[in-house]
Amino acid sequence: MDSLDLKYAKSVLVRLINKKDAKKSDLFDIVRSHQVLDNLLNALERDNYLEIKENERGPKRYSISLTSKGIAVANQLQRANDIASGKSIPKATLCIDIPEGLHEDILRILKIDRKNSDEKDFVLDAVKKEIERWKREHPGHP
């Protein structure tokens, strides 16, 4: 079994994205049990998602950081979380190429006569207004 299948694994990786050298205490709001957290961190380290280093000075403390594999996985998990929560919509869903020859079919389905530019402009304006509304509701996204 891959360590990503363990409870809290994905949440821990996403939390570590923005922290260069996290401490175990940074993760206690996700995993409250010391034993469960230790087992999870050891499994994630074993599968090369993160690296745990013991600090050389002072009391026994650990520094936890993502490996390149962990960063790649965590970024994808964060992206999936953003999409699921509506914070981001992949460009592929916003921008599509209409294959040659389908323009007329689309206008016919929408019951818009190509000659009647008022209807065509009306539809385009409605689409633009909807895009602007979405942008206002989701600031910071394209």
N, C-alpha and C. Protein backbone atom coordinates (compact mmCIF):
# COMPACT_ATOMS: atom_id res chain seq x y z
N MET A 1 0.85 -1.18 0.00
CA MET A 1 0.00 0.00 0.00
C MET A 1 0.89 1.24 0.00
N ASP A 2 0.55 2.18 -0.85
CA ASP A 2 1.28 3.44 -0.92
C ASP A 2 0.88 4.30 0.28
N SER A 3 1.82 5.06 0.79
CA SER A 3 1.55 5.89 1.96
C SER A 3 0.50 6.97 1.68
N LEU A 4 0.27 7.31 0.41
CA LEU A 4 -0.77 8.30 0.10
C LEU A 4 -2.17 7.79 0.43
N ASP A 5 -2.31 6.47 0.57
CA ASP A 5 -3.60 5.90 0.92
C ASP A 5 -3.91 6.02 2.40
N LEU A 6 -2.92 6.40 3.20
CA LEU A 6 -3.12 6.52 4.64
C LEU A 6 -3.93 7.77 4.95
N LYS A 7 -4.72 7.67 6.02
CA LYS A 7 -5.52 8.80 6.47
C LYS A 7 -4.60 9.97 6.79
N TYR A 8 -4.97 11.16 6.41
CA TYR A 8 -4.26 12.42 6.63
C TYR A 8 -3.06 12.64 5.71
N ALA A 9 -2.64 11.66 4.94
CA ALA A 9 -1.42 11.80 4.13
C ALA A 9 -1.53 12.97 3.15
N LYS A 10 -2.63 13.05 2.45
CA LYS A 10 -2.79 14.12 1.45
C LYS A 10 -2.84 15.49 2.11
N SER A 11 -3.51 15.58 3.24
CA SER A 11 -3.60 16.86 3.97
C SER A 11 -2.23 17.31 4.46
N VAL A 12 -1.43 16.37 4.91
CA VAL A 12 -0.08 16.70 5.39
C VAL A 12 0.77 17.21 4.23
N LEU A 13 0.72 16.54 3.09
CA LEU A 13 1.52 16.98 1.94
C LEU A 13 1.12 18.38 1.50
N VAL A 14 -0.17 18.64 1.43
CA VAL A 14 -0.64 19.97 1.00
C VAL A 14 -0.19 21.02 2.01
N ARG A 15 -0.24 20.71 3.29
CA ARG A 15 0.19 21.66 4.32
C ARG A 15 1.67 22.01 4.15
N LEU A 16 2.47 21.03 3.76
CA LEU A 16 3.91 21.24 3.66
C LEU A 16 4.35 22.00 2.40
N ILE A 17 3.43 22.26 1.48
CA ILE A 17 3.78 22.97 0.24
C ILE A 17 4.43 24.32 0.56
N ASN A 18 3.83 25.06 1.46
CA ASN A 18 4.28 26.42 1.72
C ASN A 18 5.29 26.52 2.87
N LYS A 19 5.69 25.41 3.41
CA LYS A 19 6.64 25.44 4.52
C LYS A 19 7.92 24.75 4.08
N LYS A 20 9.02 25.48 4.15
CA LYS A 20 10.31 24.90 3.76
C LYS A 20 10.75 23.83 4.75
N ASP A 21 10.84 24.21 6.01
CA ASP A 21 11.25 23.29 7.07
C ASP A 21 10.21 23.33 8.18
N ALA A 22 9.24 22.46 8.08
CA ALA A 22 8.17 22.42 9.06
C ALA A 22 8.59 21.61 10.28
N LYS A 23 7.90 21.86 11.36
CA LYS A 23 8.10 21.08 12.58
C LYS A 23 6.89 20.17 12.73
N LYS A 24 7.04 19.14 13.52
CA LYS A 24 5.91 18.24 13.76
C LYS A 24 4.73 19.01 14.34
N SER A 25 5.03 19.98 15.19
CA SER A 25 3.96 20.75 15.82
C SER A 25 3.12 21.51 14.79
N ASP A 26 3.67 21.80 13.61
CA ASP A 26 2.92 22.47 12.55
C ASP A 26 1.82 21.57 11.98
N LEU A 27 1.88 20.30 12.29
CA LEU A 27 0.94 19.33 11.70
C LEU A 27 -0.07 18.80 12.71
N PHE A 28 0.03 19.23 13.97
CA PHE A 28 -0.85 18.69 15.00
C PHE A 28 -2.31 19.09 14.83
N ASP A 29 -2.60 20.14 14.07
CA ASP A 29 -4.01 20.45 13.84
C ASP A 29 -4.62 19.51 12.80
N ILE A 30 -3.77 18.80 12.06
CA ILE A 30 -4.26 17.81 11.10
C ILE A 30 -4.32 16.44 11.76
N VAL A 31 -3.22 16.06 12.42
CA VAL A 31 -3.12 14.76 13.10
C VAL A 31 -2.83 15.04 14.56
N ARG A 32 -3.76 14.73 15.42
CA ARG A 32 -3.62 15.08 16.83
C ARG A 32 -2.79 14.08 17.62
N SER A 33 -2.68 12.88 17.15
CA SER A 33 -1.95 11.83 17.86
C SER A 33 -0.48 11.83 17.44
N HIS A 34 0.41 11.89 18.43
CA HIS A 34 1.84 11.84 18.14
C HIS A 34 2.21 10.53 17.43
N GLN A 35 1.67 9.43 17.92
CA GLN A 35 2.00 8.12 17.34
C GLN A 35 1.52 8.01 15.89
N VAL A 36 0.30 8.44 15.64
CA VAL A 36 -0.25 8.39 14.28
C VAL A 36 0.57 9.29 13.36
N LEU A 37 0.92 10.49 13.84
CA LEU A 37 1.72 11.40 13.02
C LEU A 37 3.10 10.81 12.73
N ASP A 38 3.74 10.23 13.75
CA ASP A 38 5.06 9.61 13.54
C ASP A 38 4.98 8.50 12.50
N ASN A 39 3.97 7.65 12.61
CA ASN A 39 3.82 6.54 11.65
C ASN A 39 3.56 7.07 10.24
N LEU A 40 2.73 8.10 10.13
CA LEU A 40 2.43 8.69 8.83
C LEU A 40 3.67 9.32 8.21
N LEU A 41 4.39 10.11 9.00
CA LEU A 41 5.60 10.76 8.48
C LEU A 41 6.64 9.73 8.06
N ASN A 42 6.80 8.68 8.84
CA ASN A 42 7.76 7.63 8.48
C ASN A 42 7.37 6.95 7.17
N ALA A 43 6.07 6.71 6.98
CA ALA A 43 5.60 6.07 5.74
C ALA A 43 5.81 7.01 4.54
N LEU A 44 5.51 8.30 4.72
CA LEU A 44 5.71 9.26 3.63
C LEU A 44 7.19 9.42 3.30
N GLU A 45 8.03 9.33 4.32
CA GLU A 45 9.48 9.41 4.08
C GLU A 45 9.96 8.15 3.36
N ARG A 46 9.46 7.01 3.77
CA ARG A 46 9.84 5.74 3.14
C ARG A 46 9.49 5.74 1.65
N ASP A 47 8.36 6.34 1.30
CA ASP A 47 7.92 6.39 -0.10
C ASP A 47 8.47 7.61 -0.84
N ASN A 48 9.40 8.32 -0.19
CA ASN A 48 10.13 9.43 -0.80
C ASN A 48 9.25 10.64 -1.13
N TYR A 49 8.22 10.90 -0.30
CA TYR A 49 7.41 12.11 -0.47
C TYR A 49 7.97 13.26 0.37
N LEU A 50 8.63 12.91 1.46
CA LEU A 50 9.20 13.94 2.31
C LEU A 50 10.49 13.46 2.95
N GLU A 51 11.18 14.42 3.53
CA GLU A 51 12.46 14.15 4.18
C GLU A 51 12.38 14.67 5.61
N ILE A 52 12.85 13.87 6.55
CA ILE A 52 12.85 14.27 7.95
C ILE A 52 14.30 14.32 8.42
N LYS A 53 14.68 15.48 8.93
CA LYS A 53 16.05 15.65 9.42
C LYS A 53 15.98 16.04 10.89
N GLU A 54 16.86 15.44 11.67
CA GLU A 54 16.95 15.82 13.07
C GLU A 54 17.86 17.04 13.18
N ASN A 55 17.39 18.05 13.90
CA ASN A 55 18.21 19.25 14.09
C ASN A 55 19.43 18.89 14.93
N GLU A 56 20.56 19.46 14.57
CA GLU A 56 21.82 19.09 15.22
C GLU A 56 22.00 19.78 16.57
N ARG A 57 21.44 20.95 16.75
CA ARG A 57 21.63 21.69 17.99
C ARG A 57 20.37 21.68 18.84
N GLY A 58 20.59 21.85 20.13
CA GLY A 58 19.48 22.00 21.06
C GLY A 58 18.72 20.71 21.29
N PRO A 59 17.51 20.87 21.81
CA PRO A 59 16.70 19.67 22.11
C PRO A 59 16.36 18.91 20.83
N LYS A 60 15.94 17.68 21.02
CA LYS A 60 15.64 16.81 19.88
C LYS A 60 14.41 17.36 19.13
N ARG A 61 14.65 17.88 17.92
CA ARG A 61 13.59 18.41 17.07
C ARG A 61 13.84 17.96 15.64
N TYR A 62 12.78 17.97 14.88
CA TYR A 62 12.88 17.49 13.51
C TYR A 62 12.44 18.57 12.54
N SER A 63 13.05 18.54 11.38
CA SER A 63 12.71 19.43 10.28
C SER A 63 12.10 18.56 9.18
N ILE A 64 10.91 18.91 8.74
CA ILE A 64 10.20 18.11 7.74
C ILE A 64 10.06 18.94 6.47
N SER A 65 10.48 18.38 5.35
CA SER A 65 10.35 19.09 4.08
C SER A 65 9.98 18.10 2.97
N LEU A 66 9.33 18.62 1.96
CA LEU A 66 8.92 17.79 0.82
C LEU A 66 10.11 17.51 -0.09
N THR A 67 10.14 16.33 -0.66
CA THR A 67 11.10 16.01 -1.71
C THR A 67 10.52 16.53 -3.03
N SER A 68 11.26 16.41 -4.11
CA SER A 68 10.73 16.85 -5.40
C SER A 68 9.49 16.04 -5.78
N LYS A 69 9.49 14.77 -5.45
CA LYS A 69 8.31 13.93 -5.70
C LYS A 69 7.14 14.43 -4.85
N GLY A 70 7.41 14.74 -3.59
CA GLY A 70 6.37 15.23 -2.70
C GLY A 70 5.80 16.56 -3.15
N ILE A 71 6.67 17.44 -3.64
CA ILE A 71 6.22 18.74 -4.14
C ILE A 71 5.30 18.56 -5.34
N ALA A 72 5.68 17.69 -6.26
CA ALA A 72 4.86 17.44 -7.45
C ALA A 72 3.49 16.91 -7.07
N VAL A 73 3.46 15.94 -6.17
CA VAL A 73 2.19 15.35 -5.74
C VAL A 73 1.35 16.38 -4.97
N ALA A 74 1.99 17.11 -4.06
CA ALA A 74 1.27 18.09 -3.25
C ALA A 74 0.67 19.20 -4.11
N ASN A 75 1.40 19.64 -5.12
CA ASN A 75 0.87 20.68 -6.02
C ASN A 75 -0.35 20.18 -6.76
N GLN A 76 -0.32 18.93 -7.21
CA GLN A 76 -1.48 18.37 -7.91
C GLN A 76 -2.66 18.20 -6.95
N LEU A 77 -2.39 17.79 -5.71
CA LEU A 77 -3.46 17.67 -4.72
C LEU A 77 -4.08 19.03 -4.43
N GLN A 78 -3.24 20.07 -4.31
CA GLN A 78 -3.74 21.41 -4.06
C GLN A 78 -4.58 21.89 -5.23
N ARG A 79 -4.13 21.61 -6.43
CA ARG A 79 -4.88 22.00 -7.63
C ARG A 79 -6.25 21.31 -7.65
N ALA A 80 -6.27 20.02 -7.30
CA ALA A 80 -7.54 19.29 -7.25
C ALA A 80 -8.46 19.88 -6.18
N ASN A 81 -7.90 20.24 -5.03
CA ASN A 81 -8.70 20.87 -3.98
C ASN A 81 -9.28 22.20 -4.45
N ASP A 82 -8.49 22.99 -5.16
CA ASP A 82 -8.95 24.28 -5.67
C ASP A 82 -10.09 24.10 -6.66
N ILE A 83 -9.96 23.12 -7.54
CA ILE A 83 -11.00 22.86 -8.53
C ILE A 83 -12.27 22.39 -7.84
N ALA A 84 -12.12 21.45 -6.89
CA ALA A 84 -13.28 20.89 -6.19
C ALA A 84 -14.03 21.96 -5.38
N SER A 85 -13.29 22.92 -4.84
CA SER A 85 -13.92 23.96 -4.03
C SER A 85 -14.41 25.14 -4.86
N GLY A 86 -14.15 25.11 -6.17
CA GLY A 86 -14.60 26.18 -7.05
C GLY A 86 -13.67 27.37 -7.10
N LYS A 87 -12.49 27.26 -6.49
CA LYS A 87 -11.53 28.37 -6.50
C LYS A 87 -10.85 28.51 -7.84
N SER A 88 -10.83 27.44 -8.61
CA SER A 88 -10.12 27.47 -9.88
C SER A 88 -10.82 26.56 -10.86
N ILE A 89 -10.84 26.97 -12.09
CA ILE A 89 -11.38 26.14 -13.16
C ILE A 89 -10.27 25.98 -14.18
N PRO A 90 -9.92 24.74 -14.53
CA PRO A 90 -8.85 24.54 -15.52
C PRO A 90 -9.15 25.26 -16.82
N LYS A 91 -8.11 25.84 -17.41
CA LYS A 91 -8.28 26.56 -18.67
C LYS A 91 -8.92 25.69 -19.74
N ALA A 92 -8.63 24.41 -19.71
CA ALA A 92 -9.19 23.51 -20.72
C ALA A 92 -10.71 23.53 -20.70
N THR A 93 -11.31 23.82 -19.53
CA THR A 93 -12.77 23.86 -19.47
C THR A 93 -13.30 25.22 -19.90
N LEU A 94 -12.44 26.23 -19.92
CA LEU A 94 -12.88 27.56 -20.30
C LEU A 94 -12.65 27.86 -21.78
N CYS A 95 -11.57 27.35 -22.31
CA CYS A 95 -11.19 27.66 -23.69
C CYS A 95 -11.26 26.39 -24.52
N ILE A 96 -12.15 26.40 -25.49
CA ILE A 96 -12.21 25.24 -26.37
C ILE A 96 -12.16 25.72 -27.81
N ASP A 97 -11.58 24.91 -28.63
CA ASP A 97 -11.58 25.20 -30.05
C ASP A 97 -12.79 24.53 -30.67
N ILE A 98 -13.53 25.28 -31.43
CA ILE A 98 -14.69 24.72 -32.11
C ILE A 98 -14.22 24.23 -33.46
N PRO A 99 -14.35 22.92 -33.69
CA PRO A 99 -13.89 22.38 -34.97
C PRO A 99 -14.59 23.04 -36.15
N GLU A 100 -13.85 23.14 -37.22
CA GLU A 100 -14.36 23.76 -38.44
C GLU A 100 -15.67 23.09 -38.84
N GLY A 101 -16.64 23.89 -39.19
CA GLY A 101 -17.91 23.37 -39.65
C GLY A 101 -18.97 23.28 -38.57
N LEU A 102 -18.58 23.43 -37.30
CA LEU A 102 -19.57 23.33 -36.22
C LEU A 102 -20.20 24.67 -35.86
N HIS A 103 -19.62 25.76 -36.34
CA HIS A 103 -20.16 27.07 -36.02
C HIS A 103 -21.63 27.18 -36.41
N GLU A 104 -21.93 26.76 -37.62
CA GLU A 104 -23.31 26.83 -38.11
C GLU A 104 -24.23 25.95 -37.27
N ASP A 105 -23.76 24.76 -36.91
CA ASP A 105 -24.58 23.87 -36.08
C ASP A 105 -24.88 24.50 -34.72
N ILE A 106 -23.87 25.14 -34.14
CA ILE A 106 -24.06 25.78 -32.83
C ILE A 106 -25.08 26.91 -32.95
N LEU A 107 -24.94 27.73 -33.97
CA LEU A 107 -25.90 28.81 -34.17
C LEU A 107 -27.30 28.26 -34.41
N ARG A 108 -27.40 27.16 -35.16
CA ARG A 108 -28.71 26.55 -35.43
C ARG A 108 -29.32 26.02 -34.14
N ILE A 109 -28.50 25.34 -33.31
CA ILE A 109 -29.00 24.80 -32.04
C ILE A 109 -29.48 25.93 -31.14
N LEU A 110 -28.75 27.04 -31.15
CA LEU A 110 -29.15 28.21 -30.36
C LEU A 110 -30.27 29.00 -31.05
N LYS A 111 -30.66 28.53 -32.24
CA LYS A 111 -31.71 29.17 -33.04
C LYS A 111 -31.35 30.62 -33.36
N ILE A 112 -30.12 30.83 -33.74
CA ILE A 112 -29.66 32.16 -34.11
C ILE A 112 -29.37 32.16 -35.60
N ASP A 113 -30.01 33.08 -36.29
CA ASP A 113 -29.77 33.24 -37.71
C ASP A 113 -28.49 34.06 -37.89
N ARG A 114 -27.53 33.52 -38.63
CA ARG A 114 -26.25 34.19 -38.81
C ARG A 114 -26.46 35.58 -39.42
N LYS A 115 -27.49 35.72 -40.20
CA LYS A 115 -27.75 37.02 -40.85
C LYS A 115 -28.25 38.05 -39.84
N ASN A 116 -28.88 37.58 -38.78
CA ASN A 116 -29.42 38.49 -37.79
C ASN A 116 -28.36 38.75 -36.72
N SER A 117 -27.57 39.78 -36.95
CA SER A 117 -26.44 40.05 -36.06
C SER A 117 -26.89 40.48 -34.67
N ASP A 118 -28.11 41.02 -34.55
CA ASP A 118 -28.59 41.44 -33.23
C ASP A 118 -28.67 40.24 -32.28
N GLU A 119 -29.21 39.12 -32.75
CA GLU A 119 -29.31 37.93 -31.91
C GLU A 119 -27.93 37.38 -31.57
N LYS A 120 -27.05 37.35 -32.56
CA LYS A 120 -25.70 36.84 -32.33
C LYS A 120 -24.99 37.72 -31.31
N ASP A 121 -25.08 39.03 -31.46
CA ASP A 121 -24.47 39.95 -30.51
C ASP A 121 -25.07 39.79 -29.12
N PHE A 122 -26.39 39.56 -29.06
CA PHE A 122 -27.07 39.35 -27.79
C PHE A 122 -26.48 38.15 -27.04
N VAL A 123 -26.30 37.06 -27.76
CA VAL A 123 -25.74 35.85 -27.15
C VAL A 123 -24.30 36.09 -26.70
N LEU A 124 -23.51 36.73 -27.55
CA LEU A 124 -22.12 37.01 -27.19
C LEU A 124 -22.05 37.93 -25.97
N ASP A 125 -22.92 38.93 -25.92
CA ASP A 125 -22.95 39.83 -24.76
C ASP A 125 -23.35 39.07 -23.50
N ALA A 126 -24.32 38.17 -23.62
CA ALA A 126 -24.74 37.38 -22.46
C ALA A 126 -23.60 36.50 -21.95
N VAL A 127 -22.86 35.90 -22.87
CA VAL A 127 -21.71 35.08 -22.48
C VAL A 127 -20.65 35.94 -21.80
N LYS A 128 -20.37 37.10 -22.37
CA LYS A 128 -19.37 38.00 -21.77
C LYS A 128 -19.79 38.43 -20.37
N LYS A 129 -21.08 38.76 -20.20
CA LYS A 129 -21.57 39.17 -18.88
C LYS A 129 -21.43 38.04 -17.87
N GLU A 130 -21.71 36.82 -18.29
CA GLU A 130 -21.58 35.66 -17.40
C GLU A 130 -20.13 35.45 -17.00
N ILE A 131 -19.21 35.62 -17.94
CA ILE A 131 -17.78 35.49 -17.63
C ILE A 131 -17.36 36.57 -16.64
N GLU A 132 -17.80 37.80 -16.85
CA GLU A 132 -17.46 38.90 -15.93
C GLU A 132 -18.03 38.63 -14.54
N ARG A 133 -19.27 38.13 -14.48
CA ARG A 133 -19.88 37.79 -13.18
C ARG A 133 -19.04 36.74 -12.48
N TRP A 134 -18.61 35.71 -13.21
CA TRP A 134 -17.80 34.66 -12.62
C TRP A 134 -16.47 35.23 -12.10
N LYS A 135 -15.86 36.12 -12.88
CA LYS A 135 -14.59 36.72 -12.45
C LYS A 135 -14.77 37.54 -11.18
N ARG A 136 -15.90 38.26 -11.06
CA ARG A 136 -16.15 39.03 -9.84
C ARG A 136 -16.31 38.11 -8.64
N GLU A 137 -16.96 36.98 -8.84
CA GLU A 137 -17.18 36.03 -7.74
C GLU A 137 -15.94 35.22 -7.41
N HIS A 138 -14.99 35.15 -8.33
CA HIS A 138 -13.76 34.38 -8.14
C HIS A 138 -12.55 35.26 -8.43
N PRO A 139 -12.32 36.26 -7.59
CA PRO A 139 -11.21 37.18 -7.85
C PRO A 139 -9.87 36.45 -7.85
N GLY A 140 -8.98 36.93 -8.69
CA GLY A 140 -7.64 36.37 -8.78
C GLY A 140 -7.52 35.21 -9.74
N HIS A 141 -8.60 34.85 -10.41
CA HIS A 141 -8.55 33.77 -11.39
C HIS A 141 -8.78 34.32 -12.77
N PRO A 142 -8.15 33.70 -13.76
CA PRO A 142 -8.30 34.19 -15.15
C PRO A 142 -9.71 34.04 -15.67
